[in-house]
């Protein structure tokens, strides 16, 4: 994979059965720079999960793994990261927030990040 895209995985979990955990591992395997942000501290491989809304520079992509009912608390935070795109993984699609992102000039994608990585279309 030629391009490295700094990716924030929002909703990252230390639980290995969660898709957010698998997403962080897959990003690392694909040599992508990843920042795991979640609700509980822990590790995914050697990547520390940050709790809260940490400031992060140089973000290309935010990949969301939290349900739409919990996303509104993160709208301003995600926009403040100035990503080029936000990926809404299955079960997280939020038309209201997607419309706001478009107005902010940020591309919303309703895709599965794991599939995009697997198909080398990330």
N, C-alpha and C. Protein backbone atom coordinates (compact mmCIF):
# COMPACT_ATOMS: atom_id res chain seq x y z
N UNK A 1 0.86 -1.18 0.00
CA UNK A 1 0.00 0.00 0.00
C UNK A 1 0.89 1.23 0.00
N UNK A 2 0.75 2.07 -0.97
CA UNK A 2 1.67 3.18 -1.17
C UNK A 2 1.44 4.33 -0.19
N UNK A 3 0.22 4.78 -0.04
CA UNK A 3 -0.07 5.95 0.77
C UNK A 3 -0.33 5.58 2.22
N UNK A 4 0.34 6.31 3.10
CA UNK A 4 0.03 6.16 4.53
C UNK A 4 -0.98 7.24 4.87
N UNK A 5 -2.06 6.83 5.50
CA UNK A 5 -3.13 7.75 5.87
C UNK A 5 -3.35 7.64 7.37
N UNK A 6 -2.96 8.67 8.10
CA UNK A 6 -3.14 8.65 9.56
C UNK A 6 -4.63 8.52 9.85
N UNK A 7 -4.97 7.47 10.59
CA UNK A 7 -6.36 7.13 10.82
C UNK A 7 -6.67 7.08 12.31
N UNK A 8 -7.72 7.74 12.71
CA UNK A 8 -8.23 7.66 14.07
C UNK A 8 -9.36 6.63 14.07
N UNK A 9 -9.21 5.60 14.89
CA UNK A 9 -10.28 4.62 15.07
C UNK A 9 -11.03 5.04 16.32
N UNK A 10 -12.23 5.60 16.11
CA UNK A 10 -13.05 6.12 17.21
C UNK A 10 -14.00 5.03 17.69
N UNK A 11 -13.84 4.68 18.96
CA UNK A 11 -14.61 3.57 19.53
C UNK A 11 -13.75 2.33 19.66
N UNK A 12 -12.42 2.52 19.61
CA UNK A 12 -11.48 1.40 19.72
C UNK A 12 -11.68 0.67 21.04
N UNK A 13 -11.62 -0.65 20.97
CA UNK A 13 -11.86 -1.48 22.15
C UNK A 13 -10.70 -2.45 22.38
N UNK A 14 -10.34 -2.67 23.65
CA UNK A 14 -9.32 -3.66 23.94
C UNK A 14 -9.83 -5.10 23.77
N UNK A 15 -11.14 -5.27 23.55
CA UNK A 15 -11.75 -6.59 23.39
C UNK A 15 -11.47 -7.11 21.98
N UNK A 16 -10.71 -8.21 21.84
CA UNK A 16 -10.30 -8.70 20.52
C UNK A 16 -11.45 -9.18 19.62
N UNK A 17 -12.64 -9.37 20.15
CA UNK A 17 -13.75 -9.78 19.28
C UNK A 17 -14.48 -8.60 18.65
N UNK A 18 -14.18 -7.40 19.12
CA UNK A 18 -14.84 -6.20 18.58
C UNK A 18 -14.22 -5.81 17.24
N UNK A 19 -15.05 -5.31 16.32
CA UNK A 19 -14.55 -4.92 15.01
C UNK A 19 -13.58 -3.74 15.10
N UNK A 20 -13.76 -2.87 16.07
CA UNK A 20 -12.83 -1.74 16.22
C UNK A 20 -11.43 -2.24 16.57
N UNK A 21 -11.35 -3.30 17.34
CA UNK A 21 -10.06 -3.91 17.68
C UNK A 21 -9.41 -4.50 16.43
N UNK A 22 -10.22 -5.22 15.67
CA UNK A 22 -9.74 -5.82 14.42
C UNK A 22 -9.31 -4.74 13.43
N UNK A 23 -10.00 -3.62 13.44
CA UNK A 23 -9.67 -2.52 12.52
C UNK A 23 -8.29 -1.95 12.83
N UNK A 24 -8.00 -1.74 14.11
CA UNK A 24 -6.68 -1.21 14.49
C UNK A 24 -5.60 -2.19 14.05
N UNK A 25 -5.81 -3.47 14.31
CA UNK A 25 -4.82 -4.48 13.91
C UNK A 25 -4.63 -4.51 12.40
N UNK A 26 -5.72 -4.40 11.66
CA UNK A 26 -5.64 -4.43 10.20
C UNK A 26 -4.91 -3.20 9.67
N UNK A 27 -5.17 -2.03 10.23
CA UNK A 27 -4.46 -0.82 9.82
C UNK A 27 -2.96 -0.98 10.05
N UNK A 28 -2.58 -1.52 11.20
CA UNK A 28 -1.17 -1.73 11.50
C UNK A 28 -0.54 -2.71 10.51
N UNK A 29 -1.25 -3.79 10.19
CA UNK A 29 -0.76 -4.78 9.21
C UNK A 29 -0.57 -4.15 7.83
N UNK A 30 -1.41 -3.17 7.52
CA UNK A 30 -1.33 -2.49 6.22
C UNK A 30 -0.41 -1.26 6.29
N UNK A 31 0.40 -1.18 7.34
CA UNK A 31 1.40 -0.12 7.50
C UNK A 31 0.79 1.28 7.48
N UNK A 32 -0.39 1.40 8.10
CA UNK A 32 -1.02 2.71 8.24
C UNK A 32 -0.75 3.24 9.65
N UNK A 33 -0.61 4.54 9.77
CA UNK A 33 -0.46 5.17 11.08
C UNK A 33 -1.84 5.22 11.72
N UNK A 34 -1.95 4.72 12.94
CA UNK A 34 -3.26 4.62 13.58
C UNK A 34 -3.21 5.21 14.98
N UNK A 35 -4.32 5.88 15.34
CA UNK A 35 -4.52 6.38 16.69
C UNK A 35 -5.83 5.77 17.18
N UNK A 36 -5.74 4.98 18.23
CA UNK A 36 -6.92 4.32 18.79
C UNK A 36 -7.51 5.21 19.89
N UNK A 37 -8.78 5.56 19.74
CA UNK A 37 -9.48 6.38 20.73
C UNK A 37 -10.73 5.61 21.15
N UNK A 38 -10.87 5.38 22.46
CA UNK A 38 -12.00 4.58 22.92
C UNK A 38 -12.53 5.03 24.26
N UNK A 39 -13.34 4.17 24.84
CA UNK A 39 -13.98 4.47 26.12
C UNK A 39 -13.22 3.86 27.29
N UNK A 40 -12.37 2.84 26.99
CA UNK A 40 -11.60 2.16 28.04
C UNK A 40 -10.14 2.13 27.63
N UNK A 41 -9.27 2.35 28.62
CA UNK A 41 -7.85 2.23 28.36
C UNK A 41 -7.51 0.77 28.07
N UNK A 42 -6.44 0.57 27.34
CA UNK A 42 -5.99 -0.77 27.01
C UNK A 42 -5.02 -0.71 25.86
N UNK A 43 -4.64 -1.88 25.39
CA UNK A 43 -3.71 -1.99 24.27
C UNK A 43 -4.30 -2.83 23.16
N UNK A 44 -3.95 -2.45 21.94
CA UNK A 44 -4.25 -3.27 20.76
C UNK A 44 -2.89 -3.43 20.09
N UNK A 45 -2.37 -4.64 20.13
CA UNK A 45 -0.98 -4.92 19.77
C UNK A 45 -0.14 -4.02 20.68
N UNK A 46 0.61 -3.07 20.13
CA UNK A 46 1.39 -2.15 20.97
C UNK A 46 0.78 -0.75 20.98
N UNK A 47 -0.41 -0.62 20.40
CA UNK A 47 -1.07 0.69 20.28
C UNK A 47 -1.92 0.94 21.52
N UNK A 48 -1.59 2.01 22.25
CA UNK A 48 -2.34 2.37 23.45
C UNK A 48 -3.66 3.03 23.06
N UNK A 49 -4.74 2.60 23.68
CA UNK A 49 -6.05 3.23 23.44
C UNK A 49 -6.12 4.49 24.29
N UNK A 50 -6.34 5.62 23.62
CA UNK A 50 -6.50 6.90 24.31
C UNK A 50 -7.97 7.10 24.65
N UNK A 51 -8.23 7.64 25.83
CA UNK A 51 -9.59 7.86 26.29
C UNK A 51 -9.91 9.35 26.21
N UNK A 52 -11.16 9.64 25.90
CA UNK A 52 -11.58 11.04 25.82
C UNK A 52 -11.51 11.57 24.40
N UNK A 53 -11.12 12.81 24.28
CA UNK A 53 -11.03 13.47 22.97
C UNK A 53 -9.66 14.11 22.83
N UNK A 54 -8.63 13.28 22.65
CA UNK A 54 -7.27 13.82 22.59
C UNK A 54 -7.03 14.63 21.33
N UNK A 55 -6.23 15.69 21.44
CA UNK A 55 -5.86 16.44 20.23
C UNK A 55 -4.94 15.58 19.37
N UNK A 56 -5.20 15.55 18.08
CA UNK A 56 -4.41 14.74 17.15
C UNK A 56 -4.21 15.56 15.89
N UNK A 57 -2.96 15.68 15.47
CA UNK A 57 -2.64 16.45 14.27
C UNK A 57 -2.47 15.52 13.07
N UNK A 58 -2.68 16.07 11.88
CA UNK A 58 -2.38 15.36 10.65
C UNK A 58 -3.29 14.19 10.34
N UNK A 59 -4.55 14.26 10.77
CA UNK A 59 -5.49 13.17 10.56
C UNK A 59 -6.00 13.17 9.12
N UNK A 60 -5.92 12.03 8.48
CA UNK A 60 -6.50 11.87 7.14
C UNK A 60 -7.91 11.30 7.23
N UNK A 61 -8.09 10.27 8.07
CA UNK A 61 -9.35 9.54 8.13
C UNK A 61 -9.76 9.32 9.58
N UNK A 62 -11.05 9.47 9.85
CA UNK A 62 -11.64 9.01 11.11
C UNK A 62 -12.56 7.86 10.75
N UNK A 63 -12.35 6.73 11.40
CA UNK A 63 -13.18 5.56 11.18
C UNK A 63 -14.01 5.33 12.43
N UNK A 64 -15.33 5.44 12.28
CA UNK A 64 -16.24 5.42 13.43
C UNK A 64 -16.74 4.01 13.73
N UNK A 65 -16.61 3.65 15.01
CA UNK A 65 -17.12 2.37 15.51
C UNK A 65 -18.00 2.60 16.74
N UNK A 66 -18.72 3.72 16.76
CA UNK A 66 -19.71 3.95 17.81
C UNK A 66 -21.06 4.23 17.14
N UNK A 67 -22.11 3.76 17.77
CA UNK A 67 -23.44 3.89 17.20
C UNK A 67 -23.88 5.34 17.05
N UNK A 68 -24.81 5.57 16.14
CA UNK A 68 -25.26 6.94 15.85
C UNK A 68 -25.83 7.63 17.08
N UNK A 69 -26.44 6.87 18.00
CA UNK A 69 -27.04 7.49 19.18
C UNK A 69 -25.99 8.09 20.12
N UNK A 70 -24.72 7.68 20.00
CA UNK A 70 -23.65 8.18 20.86
C UNK A 70 -22.72 9.15 20.13
N UNK A 71 -22.96 9.37 18.85
CA UNK A 71 -22.04 10.16 18.05
C UNK A 71 -22.13 11.66 18.28
N UNK A 72 -23.29 12.17 18.65
CA UNK A 72 -23.47 13.63 18.71
C UNK A 72 -22.46 14.29 19.65
N UNK A 73 -22.04 13.60 20.71
CA UNK A 73 -21.04 14.15 21.61
C UNK A 73 -19.69 14.35 20.91
N UNK A 74 -19.50 13.68 19.79
CA UNK A 74 -18.21 13.69 19.09
C UNK A 74 -18.21 14.53 17.82
N UNK A 75 -19.34 15.09 17.43
CA UNK A 75 -19.41 15.86 16.18
C UNK A 75 -18.31 16.92 16.11
N UNK A 76 -18.29 17.82 17.09
CA UNK A 76 -17.33 18.92 17.06
C UNK A 76 -15.89 18.41 17.16
N UNK A 77 -15.68 17.37 17.96
CA UNK A 77 -14.35 16.80 18.09
C UNK A 77 -13.85 16.26 16.75
N UNK A 78 -14.68 15.48 16.09
CA UNK A 78 -14.28 14.89 14.80
C UNK A 78 -13.98 15.99 13.79
N UNK A 79 -14.83 16.99 13.71
CA UNK A 79 -14.62 18.10 12.79
C UNK A 79 -13.33 18.85 13.14
N UNK A 80 -13.04 18.99 14.43
CA UNK A 80 -11.82 19.70 14.86
C UNK A 80 -10.54 18.98 14.44
N UNK A 81 -10.62 17.68 14.18
CA UNK A 81 -9.46 16.91 13.73
C UNK A 81 -9.11 17.21 12.27
N UNK A 82 -10.05 17.85 11.57
CA UNK A 82 -9.87 18.24 10.17
C UNK A 82 -9.50 17.06 9.26
N UNK A 83 -10.26 15.96 9.36
CA UNK A 83 -9.96 14.83 8.48
C UNK A 83 -10.42 15.12 7.05
N UNK A 84 -9.85 14.39 6.12
CA UNK A 84 -10.31 14.49 4.73
C UNK A 84 -11.60 13.67 4.56
N UNK A 85 -11.73 12.60 5.35
CA UNK A 85 -12.92 11.75 5.24
C UNK A 85 -13.23 11.11 6.58
N UNK A 86 -14.50 10.71 6.72
CA UNK A 86 -14.97 9.98 7.89
C UNK A 86 -15.67 8.73 7.38
N UNK A 87 -15.21 7.58 7.84
CA UNK A 87 -15.81 6.30 7.43
C UNK A 87 -16.82 5.88 8.49
N UNK A 88 -18.05 5.68 8.03
CA UNK A 88 -19.13 5.18 8.88
C UNK A 88 -19.23 3.68 8.61
N UNK A 89 -18.69 2.89 9.52
CA UNK A 89 -18.71 1.43 9.36
C UNK A 89 -20.12 0.90 9.56
N UNK A 90 -20.39 -0.34 9.13
CA UNK A 90 -21.74 -0.91 9.29
C UNK A 90 -22.25 -0.75 10.73
N UNK A 91 -23.48 -0.27 10.83
CA UNK A 91 -24.10 -0.06 12.14
C UNK A 91 -23.85 1.32 12.73
N UNK A 92 -23.10 2.17 12.01
CA UNK A 92 -22.80 3.51 12.53
C UNK A 92 -23.29 4.64 11.63
N UNK A 93 -23.92 4.30 10.52
CA UNK A 93 -24.36 5.32 9.56
C UNK A 93 -25.29 6.31 10.23
N UNK A 94 -25.02 7.60 9.97
CA UNK A 94 -25.73 8.69 10.63
C UNK A 94 -25.96 9.81 9.61
N UNK A 95 -27.11 9.80 8.93
CA UNK A 95 -27.37 10.78 7.87
C UNK A 95 -27.23 12.23 8.34
N UNK A 96 -27.65 12.54 9.56
CA UNK A 96 -27.55 13.91 10.08
C UNK A 96 -26.09 14.35 10.13
N UNK A 97 -25.23 13.53 10.71
CA UNK A 97 -23.82 13.88 10.83
C UNK A 97 -23.13 13.85 9.47
N UNK A 98 -23.53 12.94 8.62
CA UNK A 98 -22.94 12.86 7.28
C UNK A 98 -23.21 14.16 6.51
N UNK A 99 -24.41 14.69 6.64
CA UNK A 99 -24.76 15.95 5.96
C UNK A 99 -23.93 17.10 6.53
N UNK A 100 -23.75 17.11 7.84
CA UNK A 100 -22.94 18.18 8.45
C UNK A 100 -21.49 18.09 7.98
N UNK A 101 -20.95 16.88 7.91
CA UNK A 101 -19.58 16.71 7.43
C UNK A 101 -19.43 17.26 6.02
N UNK A 102 -20.40 16.95 5.16
CA UNK A 102 -20.35 17.46 3.78
C UNK A 102 -20.33 18.98 3.77
N UNK A 103 -21.15 19.60 4.60
CA UNK A 103 -21.17 21.06 4.68
C UNK A 103 -19.82 21.60 5.15
N UNK A 104 -19.09 20.83 5.94
CA UNK A 104 -17.77 21.22 6.44
C UNK A 104 -16.65 20.90 5.45
N UNK A 105 -17.01 20.27 4.31
CA UNK A 105 -16.00 19.92 3.32
C UNK A 105 -15.27 18.62 3.62
N UNK A 106 -15.87 17.79 4.44
CA UNK A 106 -15.29 16.49 4.82
C UNK A 106 -16.11 15.40 4.16
N UNK A 107 -15.44 14.46 3.51
CA UNK A 107 -16.15 13.39 2.79
C UNK A 107 -16.64 12.31 3.76
N UNK A 108 -17.97 12.09 3.82
CA UNK A 108 -18.49 10.97 4.61
C UNK A 108 -18.61 9.72 3.72
N UNK A 109 -18.18 8.60 4.24
CA UNK A 109 -18.29 7.34 3.49
C UNK A 109 -19.02 6.31 4.33
N UNK A 110 -20.05 5.70 3.79
CA UNK A 110 -20.71 4.58 4.44
C UNK A 110 -20.09 3.31 3.86
N UNK A 111 -19.03 2.87 4.48
CA UNK A 111 -18.25 1.73 4.00
C UNK A 111 -17.77 0.91 5.19
N UNK A 112 -17.22 -0.24 4.91
CA UNK A 112 -16.56 -1.05 5.93
C UNK A 112 -15.06 -0.87 5.74
N UNK A 113 -14.41 -0.28 6.72
CA UNK A 113 -12.98 -0.02 6.60
C UNK A 113 -12.19 -1.31 6.40
N UNK A 114 -12.59 -2.38 7.07
CA UNK A 114 -11.88 -3.65 6.92
C UNK A 114 -11.94 -4.15 5.47
N UNK A 115 -13.07 -3.97 4.82
CA UNK A 115 -13.19 -4.37 3.41
C UNK A 115 -12.33 -3.47 2.53
N UNK A 116 -12.35 -2.17 2.78
CA UNK A 116 -11.52 -1.25 2.00
C UNK A 116 -10.05 -1.63 2.11
N UNK A 117 -9.60 -1.96 3.30
CA UNK A 117 -8.20 -2.37 3.48
C UNK A 117 -7.92 -3.68 2.76
N UNK A 118 -8.82 -4.63 2.92
CA UNK A 118 -8.65 -5.95 2.30
C UNK A 118 -8.58 -5.85 0.78
N UNK A 119 -9.41 -5.01 0.22
CA UNK A 119 -9.45 -4.84 -1.25
C UNK A 119 -8.41 -3.84 -1.75
N UNK A 120 -7.57 -3.35 -0.82
CA UNK A 120 -6.54 -2.36 -1.13
C UNK A 120 -7.12 -1.13 -1.81
N UNK A 121 -8.29 -0.72 -1.32
CA UNK A 121 -8.99 0.45 -1.83
C UNK A 121 -9.07 1.52 -0.77
N UNK A 122 -8.16 1.45 0.21
CA UNK A 122 -8.19 2.37 1.35
C UNK A 122 -7.60 3.71 0.97
